[in-house]
């Protein structure tokens, strides 16, 4: 078990997989936020978690992003 605070390579999906995924709301490309282990949709202003390397692109799992969080991603 990984006890470090930083995500391991097993915690995030392969970059090629991420490039194929789109936001279920806006159909726009998602951006990987490695610090929080999540995929961000700038257009929808939400972040989808990645758990055990699996992106959960369900709106019930997404969290709303603040304007400050969106600015930090640019």
PDB file of N, CA and C in Angstrom:
ATOM      1  N   UNK A   1       0.839  -1.185   0.000  1.00  0.00           N
ATOM      2  CA  UNK A   1       0.000   0.000   0.000  1.00  0.00           C
ATOM      3  C   UNK A   1       0.880   1.242   0.000  1.00  0.00           C
ATOM      4  N   UNK A   2       0.491   2.221  -0.773  1.00  0.00           N
ATOM      5  CA  UNK A   2       1.234   3.462  -0.870  1.00  0.00           C
ATOM      6  C   UNK A   2       0.798   4.400   0.246  1.00  0.00           C
ATOM      7  N   UNK A   3       1.718   4.714   1.174  1.00  0.00           N
ATOM      8  CA  UNK A   3       1.369   5.591   2.295  1.00  0.00           C
ATOM      9  C   UNK A   3       1.841   7.018   2.089  1.00  0.00           C
ATOM     10  N   UNK A   4       2.525   7.294   0.973  1.00  0.00           N
ATOM     11  CA  UNK A   4       2.971   8.654   0.681  1.00  0.00           C
ATOM     12  C   UNK A   4       1.793   9.525   0.290  1.00  0.00           C
ATOM     13  N   UNK A   5       1.949  10.830   0.484  1.00  0.00           N
ATOM     14  CA  UNK A   5       0.900  11.769   0.094  1.00  0.00           C
ATOM     15  C   UNK A   5       0.844  11.969  -1.413  1.00  0.00           C
ATOM     16  N   UNK A   6       1.972  11.790  -2.102  1.00  0.00           N
ATOM     17  CA  UNK A   6       1.983  11.973  -3.547  1.00  0.00           C
ATOM     18  C   UNK A   6       1.457  10.725  -4.222  1.00  0.00           C
ATOM     19  N   UNK A   7       0.679  10.884  -5.292  1.00  0.00           N
ATOM     20  CA  UNK A   7       0.126   9.719  -5.973  1.00  0.00           C
ATOM     21  C   UNK A   7       1.214   8.927  -6.676  1.00  0.00           C
ATOM     22  N   UNK A   8       1.074   7.613  -6.655  1.00  0.00           N
ATOM     23  CA  UNK A   8       2.025   6.771  -7.369  1.00  0.00           C
ATOM     24  C   UNK A   8       1.599   6.657  -8.821  1.00  0.00           C
ATOM     25  N   UNK A   9       2.471   6.086  -9.649  1.00  0.00           N
ATOM     26  CA  UNK A   9       2.143   5.927 -11.060  1.00  0.00           C
ATOM     27  C   UNK A   9       0.949   4.998 -11.243  1.00  0.00           C
ATOM     28  N   UNK A  10       0.698   4.113 -10.277  1.00  0.00           N
ATOM     29  CA  UNK A  10      -0.463   3.225 -10.373  1.00  0.00           C
ATOM     30  C   UNK A  10      -1.762   3.953 -10.066  1.00  0.00           C
ATOM     31  N   UNK A  11      -1.679   5.104  -9.410  1.00  0.00           N
ATOM     32  CA  UNK A  11      -2.873   5.851  -9.020  1.00  0.00           C
ATOM     33  C   UNK A  11      -3.445   6.686 -10.162  1.00  0.00           C
ATOM     34  N   UNK A  12      -2.656   6.946 -11.189  1.00  0.00           N
ATOM     35  CA  UNK A  12      -3.127   7.745 -12.311  1.00  0.00           C
ATOM     36  C   UNK A  12      -3.112   6.913 -13.585  1.00  0.00           C
ATOM     37  N   UNK A  13      -4.080   7.120 -14.443  1.00  0.00           N
ATOM     38  CA  UNK A  13      -4.122   6.360 -15.695  1.00  0.00           C
ATOM     39  C   UNK A  13      -3.006   6.777 -16.641  1.00  0.00           C
ATOM     40  N   UNK A  14      -2.745   5.954 -17.614  1.00  0.00           N
ATOM     41  CA  UNK A  14      -1.745   6.219 -18.635  1.00  0.00           C
ATOM     42  C   UNK A  14      -2.106   7.499 -19.397  1.00  0.00           C
ATOM     43  N   UNK A  15      -1.103   8.269 -19.784  1.00  0.00           N
ATOM     44  CA  UNK A  15      -1.315   9.535 -20.497  1.00  0.00           C
ATOM     45  C   UNK A  15      -2.110   9.303 -21.778  1.00  0.00           C
ATOM     46  N   UNK A  16      -1.861   8.195 -22.458  1.00  0.00           N
ATOM     47  CA  UNK A  16      -2.592   7.915 -23.708  1.00  0.00           C
ATOM     48  C   UNK A  16      -4.088   7.738 -23.438  1.00  0.00           C
ATOM     49  N   UNK A  17      -4.418   7.171 -22.303  1.00  0.00           N
ATOM     50  CA  UNK A  17      -5.824   6.993 -21.933  1.00  0.00           C
ATOM     51  C   UNK A  17      -6.462   8.347 -21.644  1.00  0.00           C
ATOM     52  N   UNK A  18      -5.754   9.182 -20.912  1.00  0.00           N
ATOM     53  CA  UNK A  18      -6.268  10.509 -20.572  1.00  0.00           C
ATOM     54  C   UNK A  18      -6.560  11.322 -21.827  1.00  0.00           C
ATOM     55  N   UNK A  19      -5.699  11.227 -22.821  1.00  0.00           N
ATOM     56  CA  UNK A  19      -5.890  11.991 -24.051  1.00  0.00           C
ATOM     57  C   UNK A  19      -7.148  11.569 -24.805  1.00  0.00           C
ATOM     58  N   UNK A  20      -7.638  10.371 -24.582  1.00  0.00           N
ATOM     59  CA  UNK A  20      -8.844   9.885 -25.264  1.00  0.00           C
ATOM     60  C   UNK A  20     -10.126  10.258 -24.532  1.00  0.00           C
ATOM     61  N   UNK A  21     -10.025  10.604 -23.259  1.00  0.00           N
ATOM     62  CA  UNK A  21     -11.208  10.899 -22.457  1.00  0.00           C
ATOM     63  C   UNK A  21     -11.685  12.331 -22.677  1.00  0.00           C
ATOM     64  N   UNK A  22     -12.986  12.511 -22.595  1.00  0.00           N
ATOM     65  CA  UNK A  22     -13.579  13.844 -22.680  1.00  0.00           C
ATOM     66  C   UNK A  22     -14.568  14.023 -21.538  1.00  0.00           C
ATOM     67  N   UNK A  23     -14.879  15.254 -21.250  1.00  0.00           N
ATOM     68  CA  UNK A  23     -15.848  15.578 -20.220  1.00  0.00           C
ATOM     69  C   UNK A  23     -17.225  15.085 -20.648  1.00  0.00           C
ATOM     70  N   UNK A  24     -17.943  14.392 -19.776  1.00  0.00           N
ATOM     71  CA  UNK A  24     -19.279  13.920 -20.141  1.00  0.00           C
ATOM     72  C   UNK A  24     -20.297  15.047 -20.339  1.00  0.00           C
ATOM     73  N   UNK A  25     -20.013  16.230 -19.823  1.00  0.00           N
ATOM     74  CA  UNK A  25     -20.925  17.369 -19.986  1.00  0.00           C
ATOM     75  C   UNK A  25     -20.632  18.185 -21.237  1.00  0.00           C
ATOM     76  N   UNK A  26     -19.376  18.572 -21.400  1.00  0.00           N
ATOM     77  CA  UNK A  26     -19.019  19.497 -22.467  1.00  0.00           C
ATOM     78  C   UNK A  26     -18.368  18.829 -23.677  1.00  0.00           C
ATOM     79  N   UNK A  27     -17.979  17.590 -23.525  1.00  0.00           N
ATOM     80  CA  UNK A  27     -17.267  16.830 -24.575  1.00  0.00           C
ATOM     81  C   UNK A  27     -15.907  17.459 -24.902  1.00  0.00           C
ATOM     82  N   UNK A  28     -15.386  18.262 -23.987  1.00  0.00           N
ATOM     83  CA  UNK A  28     -14.075  18.879 -24.168  1.00  0.00           C
ATOM     84  C   UNK A  28     -13.002  18.019 -23.498  1.00  0.00           C
ATOM     85  N   UNK A  29     -11.753  18.289 -23.858  1.00  0.00           N
ATOM     86  CA  UNK A  29     -10.636  17.530 -23.309  1.00  0.00           C
ATOM     87  C   UNK A  29     -10.502  17.772 -21.810  1.00  0.00           C
ATOM     88  N   UNK A  30     -10.087  16.735 -21.105  1.00  0.00           N
ATOM     89  CA  UNK A  30      -9.861  16.835 -19.672  1.00  0.00           C
ATOM     90  C   UNK A  30      -8.375  17.062 -19.409  1.00  0.00           C
ATOM     91  N   UNK A  31      -8.080  17.749 -18.309  1.00  0.00           N
ATOM     92  CA  UNK A  31      -6.707  18.061 -17.933  1.00  0.00           C
ATOM     93  C   UNK A  31      -6.389  17.313 -16.648  1.00  0.00           C
ATOM     94  N   UNK A  32      -5.252  16.635 -16.632  1.00  0.00           N
ATOM     95  CA  UNK A  32      -4.834  15.893 -15.445  1.00  0.00           C
ATOM     96  C   UNK A  32      -4.263  16.837 -14.411  1.00  0.00           C
ATOM     97  N   UNK A  33      -4.783  16.773 -13.205  1.00  0.00           N
ATOM     98  CA  UNK A  33      -4.237  17.497 -12.062  1.00  0.00           C
ATOM     99  C   UNK A  33      -3.568  16.434 -11.196  1.00  0.00           C
ATOM    100  N   UNK A  34      -2.256  16.272 -11.353  1.00  0.00           N
ATOM    101  CA  UNK A  34      -1.530  15.220 -10.639  1.00  0.00           C
ATOM    102  C   UNK A  34      -1.501  15.463  -9.137  1.00  0.00           C
ATOM    103  N   UNK A  35      -1.510  16.728  -8.715  1.00  0.00           N
ATOM    104  CA  UNK A  35      -1.458  17.037  -7.290  1.00  0.00           C
ATOM    105  C   UNK A  35      -2.665  16.480  -6.544  1.00  0.00           C
ATOM    106  N   UNK A  36      -3.808  16.486  -7.186  1.00  0.00           N
ATOM    107  CA  UNK A  36      -5.036  16.024  -6.526  1.00  0.00           C
ATOM    108  C   UNK A  36      -5.538  14.702  -7.087  1.00  0.00           C
ATOM    109  N   UNK A  37      -4.827  14.124  -8.047  1.00  0.00           N
ATOM    110  CA  UNK A  37      -5.217  12.875  -8.696  1.00  0.00           C
ATOM    111  C   UNK A  37      -6.661  12.974  -9.198  1.00  0.00           C
ATOM    112  N   UNK A  38      -6.870  13.886 -10.128  1.00  0.00           N
ATOM    113  CA  UNK A  38      -8.190  14.070 -10.707  1.00  0.00           C
ATOM    114  C   UNK A  38      -8.073  14.629 -12.111  1.00  0.00           C
ATOM    115  N   UNK A  39      -9.164  14.518 -12.861  1.00  0.00           N
ATOM    116  CA  UNK A  39      -9.252  15.068 -14.212  1.00  0.00           C
ATOM    117  C   UNK A  39     -10.172  16.278 -14.166  1.00  0.00           C
ATOM    118  N   UNK A  40      -9.710  17.371 -14.738  1.00  0.00           N
ATOM    119  CA  UNK A  40     -10.426  18.642 -14.658  1.00  0.00           C
ATOM    120  C   UNK A  40     -11.059  18.987 -15.998  1.00  0.00           C
ATOM    121  N   UNK A  41     -12.315  19.404 -15.937  1.00  0.00           N
ATOM    122  CA  UNK A  41     -13.009  19.953 -17.094  1.00  0.00           C
ATOM    123  C   UNK A  41     -13.141  21.449 -16.853  1.00  0.00           C
ATOM    124  N   UNK A  42     -12.349  22.217 -17.599  1.00  0.00           N
ATOM    125  CA  UNK A  42     -12.404  23.677 -17.424  1.00  0.00           C
ATOM    126  C   UNK A  42     -13.758  24.237 -17.839  1.00  0.00           C
ATOM    127  N   UNK A  43     -14.306  23.724 -18.930  1.00  0.00           N
ATOM    128  CA  UNK A  43     -15.585  24.224 -19.427  1.00  0.00           C
ATOM    129  C   UNK A  43     -16.738  23.979 -18.473  1.00  0.00           C
ATOM    130  N   UNK A  44     -16.759  22.815 -17.847  1.00  0.00           N
ATOM    131  CA  UNK A  44     -17.833  22.480 -16.908  1.00  0.00           C
ATOM    132  C   UNK A  44     -17.511  22.936 -15.485  1.00  0.00           C
ATOM    133  N   UNK A  45     -16.249  23.340 -15.257  1.00  0.00           N
ATOM    134  CA  UNK A  45     -15.798  23.794 -13.930  1.00  0.00           C
ATOM    135  C   UNK A  45     -15.949  22.719 -12.870  1.00  0.00           C
ATOM    136  N   UNK A  46     -15.607  21.495 -13.241  1.00  0.00           N
ATOM    137  CA  UNK A  46     -15.667  20.370 -12.299  1.00  0.00           C
ATOM    138  C   UNK A  46     -14.391  19.540 -12.410  1.00  0.00           C
ATOM    139  N   UNK A  47     -14.132  18.755 -11.359  1.00  0.00           N
ATOM    140  CA  UNK A  47     -12.995  17.839 -11.334  1.00  0.00           C
ATOM    141  C   UNK A  47     -13.512  16.444 -11.001  1.00  0.00           C
ATOM    142  N   UNK A  48     -13.079  15.483 -11.796  1.00  0.00           N
ATOM    143  CA  UNK A  48     -13.474  14.094 -11.613  1.00  0.00           C
ATOM    144  C   UNK A  48     -12.334  13.343 -10.934  1.00  0.00           C
ATOM    145  N   UNK A  49     -12.623  12.593  -9.867  1.00  0.00           N
ATOM    146  CA  UNK A  49     -11.553  11.892  -9.157  1.00  0.00           C
ATOM    147  C   UNK A  49     -11.021  10.701  -9.949  1.00  0.00           C
ATOM    148  N   UNK A  50      -9.791  10.334  -9.626  1.00  0.00           N
ATOM    149  CA  UNK A  50      -9.186   9.113 -10.146  1.00  0.00           C
ATOM    150  C   UNK A  50      -8.899   8.243  -8.939  1.00  0.00           C
ATOM    151  N   UNK A  51      -9.502   7.076  -8.904  1.00  0.00           N
ATOM    152  CA  UNK A  51      -9.311   6.161  -7.775  1.00  0.00           C
ATOM    153  C   UNK A  51      -8.731   4.849  -8.271  1.00  0.00           C
ATOM    154  N   UNK A  52      -7.602   4.485  -7.704  1.00  0.00           N
ATOM    155  CA  UNK A  52      -6.901   3.257  -8.081  1.00  0.00           C
ATOM    156  C   UNK A  52      -6.641   3.206  -9.581  1.00  0.00           C
ATOM    157  N   UNK A  53      -6.339   4.370 -10.152  1.00  0.00           N
ATOM    158  CA  UNK A  53      -6.018   4.457 -11.567  1.00  0.00           C
ATOM    159  C   UNK A  53      -7.207   4.528 -12.500  1.00  0.00           C
ATOM    160  N   UNK A  54      -8.424   4.564 -11.953  1.00  0.00           N
ATOM    161  CA  UNK A  54      -9.633   4.580 -12.770  1.00  0.00           C
ATOM    162  C   UNK A  54     -10.328   5.941 -12.652  1.00  0.00           C
ATOM    163  N   UNK A  55     -10.441   6.677 -13.765  1.00  0.00           N
ATOM    164  CA  UNK A  55     -11.153   7.957 -13.725  1.00  0.00           C
ATOM    165  C   UNK A  55     -12.657   7.725 -13.531  1.00  0.00           C
ATOM    166  N   UNK A  56     -13.238   8.417 -12.583  1.00  0.00           N
ATOM    167  CA  UNK A  56     -14.674   8.302 -12.321  1.00  0.00           C
ATOM    168  C   UNK A  56     -15.367   9.512 -12.944  1.00  0.00           C
ATOM    169  N   UNK A  57     -15.831   9.331 -14.170  1.00  0.00           N
ATOM    170  CA  UNK A  57     -16.434  10.441 -14.925  1.00  0.00           C
ATOM    171  C   UNK A  57     -17.936  10.507 -14.700  1.00  0.00           C
ATOM    172  N   UNK A  58     -18.317  10.396 -13.465  1.00  0.00           N
ATOM    173  CA  UNK A  58     -19.719  10.445 -13.060  1.00  0.00           C
ATOM    174  C   UNK A  58     -19.952  11.780 -12.358  1.00  0.00           C
ATOM    175  N   UNK A  59     -21.021  12.469 -12.713  1.00  0.00           N
ATOM    176  CA  UNK A  59     -21.291  13.779 -12.103  1.00  0.00           C
ATOM    177  C   UNK A  59     -21.489  13.685 -10.600  1.00  0.00           C
ATOM    178  N   UNK A  60     -21.975  12.564 -10.125  1.00  0.00           N
ATOM    179  CA  UNK A  60     -22.147  12.381  -8.687  1.00  0.00           C
ATOM    180  C   UNK A  60     -20.821  12.321  -7.939  1.00  0.00           C
ATOM    181  N   UNK A  61     -19.753  11.994  -8.619  1.00  0.00           N
ATOM    182  CA  UNK A  61     -18.423  11.917  -8.019  1.00  0.00           C
ATOM    183  C   UNK A  61     -17.630  13.210  -8.205  1.00  0.00           C
ATOM    184  N   UNK A  62     -18.049  14.067  -9.123  1.00  0.00           N
ATOM    185  CA  UNK A  62     -17.304  15.291  -9.449  1.00  0.00           C
ATOM    186  C   UNK A  62     -17.461  16.334  -8.357  1.00  0.00           C
ATOM    187  N   UNK A  63     -16.416  17.160  -8.255  1.00  0.00           N
ATOM    188  CA  UNK A  63     -16.514  18.300  -7.328  1.00  0.00           C
ATOM    189  C   UNK A  63     -16.432  19.587  -8.146  1.00  0.00           C
ATOM    190  N   UNK A  64     -17.149  20.598  -7.687  1.00  0.00           N
ATOM    191  CA  UNK A  64     -17.168  21.892  -8.362  1.00  0.00           C
ATOM    192  C   UNK A  64     -15.882  22.639  -8.054  1.00  0.00           C
ATOM    193  N   UNK A  65     -15.322  23.274  -9.073  1.00  0.00           N
ATOM    194  CA  UNK A  65     -14.082  24.029  -8.910  1.00  0.00           C
ATOM    195  C   UNK A  65     -14.369  25.507  -8.690  1.00  0.00           C
ATOM    196  N   UNK A  66     -13.580  26.111  -7.836  1.00  0.00           N
ATOM    197  CA  UNK A  66     -13.691  27.552  -7.613  1.00  0.00           C
ATOM    198  C   UNK A  66     -12.943  28.284  -8.724  1.00  0.00           C
ATOM    199  N   UNK A  67     -13.189  29.573  -8.836  1.00  0.00           N
ATOM    200  CA  UNK A  67     -12.505  30.389  -9.837  1.00  0.00           C
ATOM    201  C   UNK A  67     -10.998  30.390  -9.588  1.00  0.00           C
ATOM    202  N   UNK A  68     -10.588  30.381  -8.317  1.00  0.00           N
ATOM    203  CA  UNK A  68      -9.161  30.365  -7.976  1.00  0.00           C
ATOM    204  C   UNK A  68      -8.505  29.069  -8.444  1.00  0.00           C
ATOM    205  N   UNK A  69      -9.181  27.940  -8.275  1.00  0.00           N
ATOM    206  CA  UNK A  69      -8.628  26.658  -8.710  1.00  0.00           C
ATOM    207  C   UNK A  69      -8.463  26.622 -10.229  1.00  0.00           C
ATOM    208  N   UNK A  70      -9.450  27.157 -10.935  1.00  0.00           N
ATOM    209  CA  UNK A  70      -9.355  27.205 -12.399  1.00  0.00           C
ATOM    210  C   UNK A  70      -8.188  28.074 -12.847  1.00  0.00           C
ATOM    211  N   UNK A  71      -7.980  29.201 -12.187  1.00  0.00           N
ATOM    212  CA  UNK A  71      -6.866  30.099 -12.527  1.00  0.00           C
ATOM    213  C   UNK A  71      -5.523  29.425 -12.302  1.00  0.00           C
ATOM    214  N   UNK A  72      -5.416  28.607 -11.282  1.00  0.00           N
ATOM    215  CA  UNK A  72      -4.153  27.925 -10.962  1.00  0.00           C
ATOM    216  C   UNK A  72      -3.805  26.884 -12.028  1.00  0.00           C
ATOM    217  N   UNK A  73      -4.793  26.366 -12.721  1.00  0.00           N
ATOM    218  CA  UNK A  73      -4.549  25.344 -13.736  1.00  0.00           C
ATOM    219  C   UNK A  73      -4.059  25.933 -15.048  1.00  0.00           C
ATOM    220  N   UNK A  74      -4.199  27.224 -15.236  1.00  0.00           N
ATOM    221  CA  UNK A  74      -3.807  27.850 -16.511  1.00  0.00           C
ATOM    222  C   UNK A  74      -2.328  28.103 -16.579  1.00  0.00           C
TER     223      UNK A  74
END
